[in-house]
Amino acid sequence: MKIKTCIIITLTISLLFFNILQAKTWTSISPQNGSKLITTLKVKDKPLSYWRLDKSTPTLVKITGPTKLKIVTRAVLPEKKNSVTYSILVERDGNKKYKLSRSTKLTKSTTNPQKTSERIGESRSIEFKVPSGEHTYAIFIPKSEKNIVYGRFLVQNGKKEEVNYIDFKPVGALDKVSIVVKEQEYLYHRAQSGRPVELEVIGPTRIKSIVRLEFDHTMRGDKTFRIQVKENDNIIQTIPFTGKISATATYKEKTDKLLSRGYTFYIDVPAGKHRYKIDTPDPGISVLLRFYLPHKSLGNELEKEKTGRANLLIKKAFTSG
């Protein structure tokens, strides 16, 4: 009996280990043209990026196969309705078309911090096998659809893509603050409501951003706060956080303030030149920000620099003599 028990236990552990090895990870991806449609939904207190699907302008997702694409959707339920059926349309490379209907019911674990009155439904997902080569998926909703529908997009990878980041310095900020985390010094930039940190960037790219709330002596316990990203006074995204005091981060210079843990958010930058203003819409607090640019996007900035020098030479040529 003991021998049989050992065999069964060993087999169970082996199968579990095999399943772990076989498990695939899903990595969230951003659409090529969806930066202005981005919405941050709070799912079980975790902020996740969703994009509002449109009836006339499809949301475009470019993927290189073979892999799998997962589309996660959530509908906004009308007042006094606790369930609803909605539809989305998906096209691959402009020819293969799918019309998908989903039923959902109201959930209390998901909210839209920007529109607290919205009644969000449970998530529904569909997976597509992506064949070899480059493909473009267009996702939108039928013209007859009456419900607001949000979409989130994930690609299946054997492992999460490694991104090499470099420091990305803003062009304008209230002031600079040096902090120390585990004996490593980092330079952050302070922002307050109406006094933003400003970034100039050439897209397409995705800026990785880290924010820390500054606690003063009037703050007690955890503190909720928001970060807001604007371009030309248009709000691109508003992201909620719950600040908890860090056990490892301290100011380099002596101060009576304390730092929160670092929280990561991303700014999806479409093609072209953009200038963003990042601050908090919450008065009476200050936050520290630090930014990183994918190393592969450095070519965008170098091209901008070369173009600027070329324009300067042309200007000089026409104005001299």
Foldseek 3Di string as FASTA:
>chain_A
DVVVVVVVVVVVVVVVVVVVLVDWDKDWDAFQPFLQQWFWKQAQNRTDIWGWFAAPAWGKDKDADQWKKKKKKKWWDDPPFFKDKFWKWKDKQPPDIDIDIDIWGFDPRMAGVVCRPTGITDIDMDMDGDHHGMMMMTMHGHPPTPITMIIIMIIIDSDDDDFDKDWFAFPDAPDWFWKAFPNDIDIWGKAFAVGWTKHKAADQFKKKKKKKWKAAPVDDAKDKFWKWKDFPNRTSYIGIDIWDFDPGMDTPDDDRITITDIDIDMRGDHHGITMMTMHTNDHPTMMIMTIITGPVRVVRVVVVVVVVVVVVVVVCVVPPD
